[in-house]
Structure formats: structure tokens, C-alpha cells
Amino acid sequence: MFNLQSYKRCVRLAACLMAGVVILPMEGCAVAALPCRLVSATLKIVPAVGHAAAAPFDTCADAID
């Protein structure tokens, strides 16, 4: 049976593995542009103003790539 400490350790391991799966296949520029792309994708969720607010971050990511 899992206790809380074991559960936290498993969750941390899963998070590290997922980060590795996402980041390792990327080249240097893609890793540098990742924060811009994540902010852009998050802002695009906002109705009506999301795409306009995300435009500078899309430009940032395109410039890095």
C-alpha cells in the first residue's frame, strides 16, 4: 500500500519523465522558444482577446526559431 511519501515520489518521477519526453527530442532553439509557446497557447484559451494577447508571444517564438 502506498503512503503519502511514496505517492509524492511516484508523481515526481512521472513529472520528470514527462518533461524528458517533451524536451529531449527538441533542438536548442525549440527549447529556448518553449516558454513563449506555452504562454501563447495558454493565452489563446481566453475567449475574445486571447489570440490578440498571444500575438507578441507567437512573434517571440518565431523569432527564436
N, C-alpha and C. Protein backbone atom coordinates (compact mmCIF):
# COMPACT_ATOMS: atom_id res chain seq x y z
N MET A 1 0.84 -1.17 0.00
CA MET A 1 0.00 0.00 0.00
C MET A 1 0.89 1.25 0.00
N PHE A 2 0.49 2.24 -0.78
CA PHE A 2 1.26 3.48 -0.88
C PHE A 2 0.94 4.42 0.27
N ASN A 3 1.96 5.00 0.83
CA ASN A 3 1.73 6.08 1.77
C ASN A 3 1.97 7.40 1.03
N LEU A 4 1.81 8.50 1.69
CA LEU A 4 1.89 9.81 1.03
C LEU A 4 3.28 10.07 0.46
N GLN A 5 4.32 9.68 1.17
CA GLN A 5 5.68 9.92 0.69
C GLN A 5 5.96 9.11 -0.59
N SER A 6 5.51 7.88 -0.64
CA SER A 6 5.69 7.06 -1.84
C SER A 6 4.92 7.65 -3.02
N TYR A 7 3.73 8.13 -2.73
CA TYR A 7 2.90 8.73 -3.78
C TYR A 7 3.57 9.97 -4.36
N LYS A 8 4.09 10.83 -3.49
CA LYS A 8 4.77 12.04 -3.96
C LYS A 8 6.00 11.69 -4.79
N ARG A 9 6.72 10.66 -4.39
CA ARG A 9 7.90 10.23 -5.13
C ARG A 9 7.51 9.72 -6.53
N CYS A 10 6.42 8.97 -6.61
CA CYS A 10 5.95 8.47 -7.91
C CYS A 10 5.48 9.61 -8.81
N VAL A 11 4.79 10.58 -8.24
CA VAL A 11 4.32 11.73 -9.01
C VAL A 11 5.50 12.54 -9.52
N ARG A 12 6.52 12.74 -8.69
CA ARG A 12 7.72 13.47 -9.09
C ARG A 12 8.44 12.74 -10.22
N LEU A 13 8.54 11.43 -10.12
CA LEU A 13 9.18 10.63 -11.16
C LEU A 13 8.41 10.74 -12.48
N ALA A 14 7.09 10.65 -12.40
CA ALA A 14 6.27 10.77 -13.61
C ALA A 14 6.42 12.15 -14.24
N ALA A 15 6.47 13.20 -13.42
CA ALA A 15 6.64 14.55 -13.95
C ALA A 15 7.99 14.71 -14.63
N CYS A 16 9.03 14.16 -14.03
CA CYS A 16 10.37 14.23 -14.65
C CYS A 16 10.42 13.46 -15.96
N LEU A 17 9.79 12.31 -15.99
CA LEU A 17 9.77 11.52 -17.23
C LEU A 17 9.01 12.25 -18.34
N MET A 18 7.88 12.87 -17.99
CA MET A 18 7.11 13.62 -18.99
C MET A 18 7.90 14.82 -19.49
N ALA A 19 8.60 15.51 -18.61
CA ALA A 19 9.43 16.64 -19.03
C ALA A 19 10.52 16.16 -19.97
N GLY A 20 11.12 15.03 -19.68
CA GLY A 20 12.14 14.48 -20.55
C GLY A 20 11.60 14.08 -21.91
N VAL A 21 10.40 13.52 -21.93
CA VAL A 21 9.79 13.13 -23.19
C VAL A 21 9.51 14.35 -24.06
N VAL A 22 9.14 15.46 -23.44
CA VAL A 22 8.82 16.68 -24.19
C VAL A 22 10.08 17.41 -24.63
N ILE A 23 11.06 17.53 -23.75
CA ILE A 23 12.22 18.39 -24.02
C ILE A 23 13.33 17.69 -24.79
N LEU A 24 13.59 16.42 -24.53
CA LEU A 24 14.74 15.76 -25.16
C LEU A 24 14.69 15.72 -26.69
N PRO A 25 13.54 15.49 -27.32
CA PRO A 25 13.55 15.46 -28.79
C PRO A 25 13.74 16.83 -29.44
N MET A 26 13.65 17.90 -28.66
CA MET A 26 13.76 19.24 -29.22
C MET A 26 15.22 19.64 -29.41
N GLU A 27 15.44 20.47 -30.39
CA GLU A 27 16.77 21.03 -30.59
C GLU A 27 16.90 22.29 -29.74
N GLY A 28 18.06 22.91 -29.75
CA GLY A 28 18.34 24.05 -28.88
C GLY A 28 17.37 25.20 -29.02
N CYS A 29 17.05 25.58 -30.24
CA CYS A 29 16.15 26.72 -30.44
C CYS A 29 14.73 26.40 -29.98
N ALA A 30 14.30 25.18 -30.17
CA ALA A 30 12.94 24.82 -29.76
C ALA A 30 12.81 24.87 -28.24
N VAL A 31 13.85 24.48 -27.53
CA VAL A 31 13.82 24.54 -26.07
C VAL A 31 13.77 26.00 -25.62
N ALA A 32 14.51 26.86 -26.30
CA ALA A 32 14.51 28.28 -25.94
C ALA A 32 13.15 28.92 -26.23
N ALA A 33 12.47 28.48 -27.27
CA ALA A 33 11.17 29.05 -27.64
C ALA A 33 10.01 28.44 -26.85
N LEU A 34 10.26 27.37 -26.11
CA LEU A 34 9.19 26.69 -25.39
C LEU A 34 8.42 27.60 -24.44
N PRO A 35 9.07 28.44 -23.62
CA PRO A 35 8.27 29.32 -22.73
C PRO A 35 7.35 30.27 -23.50
N CYS A 36 7.83 30.80 -24.62
CA CYS A 36 6.98 31.70 -25.43
C CYS A 36 5.78 30.93 -25.98
N ARG A 37 6.01 29.73 -26.43
CA ARG A 37 4.92 28.93 -26.99
C ARG A 37 3.91 28.51 -25.92
N LEU A 38 4.38 28.19 -24.73
CA LEU A 38 3.47 27.81 -23.65
C LEU A 38 2.59 28.98 -23.22
N VAL A 39 3.18 30.15 -23.09
CA VAL A 39 2.40 31.34 -22.72
C VAL A 39 1.39 31.66 -23.81
N SER A 40 1.83 31.56 -25.06
CA SER A 40 0.94 31.84 -26.18
C SER A 40 -0.25 30.88 -26.19
N ALA A 41 0.02 29.61 -26.02
CA ALA A 41 -1.06 28.61 -26.01
C ALA A 41 -2.01 28.84 -24.84
N THR A 42 -1.47 29.23 -23.71
CA THR A 42 -2.32 29.49 -22.54
C THR A 42 -3.20 30.71 -22.77
N LEU A 43 -2.65 31.77 -23.36
CA LEU A 43 -3.44 32.97 -23.61
C LEU A 43 -4.53 32.74 -24.66
N LYS A 44 -4.28 31.86 -25.62
CA LYS A 44 -5.27 31.62 -26.67
C LYS A 44 -6.53 30.95 -26.14
N ILE A 45 -6.49 30.45 -24.93
CA ILE A 45 -7.67 29.84 -24.32
C ILE A 45 -8.70 30.91 -23.94
N VAL A 46 -8.24 32.11 -23.64
CA VAL A 46 -9.12 33.19 -23.20
C VAL A 46 -10.01 33.63 -24.36
N PRO A 47 -11.33 33.60 -24.17
CA PRO A 47 -12.23 33.99 -25.26
C PRO A 47 -12.09 35.47 -25.63
N ALA A 48 -12.28 35.76 -26.88
CA ALA A 48 -12.35 37.11 -27.46
C ALA A 48 -11.01 37.83 -27.55
N VAL A 49 -10.21 37.85 -26.51
CA VAL A 49 -8.96 38.61 -26.54
C VAL A 49 -7.71 37.72 -26.54
N GLY A 50 -7.90 36.43 -26.44
CA GLY A 50 -6.76 35.53 -26.31
C GLY A 50 -5.81 35.56 -27.48
N HIS A 51 -6.33 35.51 -28.70
CA HIS A 51 -5.46 35.48 -29.88
C HIS A 51 -4.69 36.80 -30.04
N ALA A 52 -5.34 37.90 -29.75
CA ALA A 52 -4.65 39.19 -29.84
C ALA A 52 -3.57 39.32 -28.77
N ALA A 53 -3.85 38.83 -27.58
CA ALA A 53 -2.87 38.90 -26.49
C ALA A 53 -1.71 37.94 -26.73
N ALA A 54 -1.94 36.87 -27.46
CA ALA A 54 -0.90 35.87 -27.71
C ALA A 54 0.01 36.23 -28.88
N ALA A 55 -0.38 37.20 -29.68
CA ALA A 55 0.39 37.56 -30.87
C ALA A 55 1.85 37.92 -30.57
N PRO A 56 2.15 38.73 -29.55
CA PRO A 56 3.56 39.03 -29.26
C PRO A 56 4.37 37.78 -28.89
N PHE A 57 3.74 36.85 -28.20
CA PHE A 57 4.45 35.64 -27.81
C PHE A 57 4.69 34.72 -29.00
N ASP A 58 3.74 34.70 -29.95
CA ASP A 58 3.95 33.96 -31.20
C ASP A 58 5.12 34.56 -31.98
N THR A 59 5.18 35.88 -32.02
CA THR A 59 6.28 36.57 -32.71
C THR A 59 7.60 36.26 -32.04
N CYS A 60 7.62 36.24 -30.73
CA CYS A 60 8.82 35.90 -29.96
C CYS A 60 9.30 34.49 -30.30
N ALA A 61 8.39 33.55 -30.32
CA ALA A 61 8.75 32.15 -30.59
C ALA A 61 9.24 32.01 -32.05
N ASP A 62 8.59 32.70 -32.97
CA ASP A 62 9.02 32.64 -34.38
C ASP A 62 10.40 33.25 -34.56
N ALA A 63 10.68 34.31 -33.82
CA ALA A 63 11.99 34.95 -33.93
C ALA A 63 13.10 34.04 -33.38
N ILE A 64 12.81 33.31 -32.32
CA ILE A 64 13.80 32.40 -31.75
C ILE A 64 14.04 31.23 -32.69
N ASP A 65 12.98 30.71 -33.27
CA ASP A 65 13.12 29.58 -34.20
C ASP A 65 13.74 30.09 -35.48
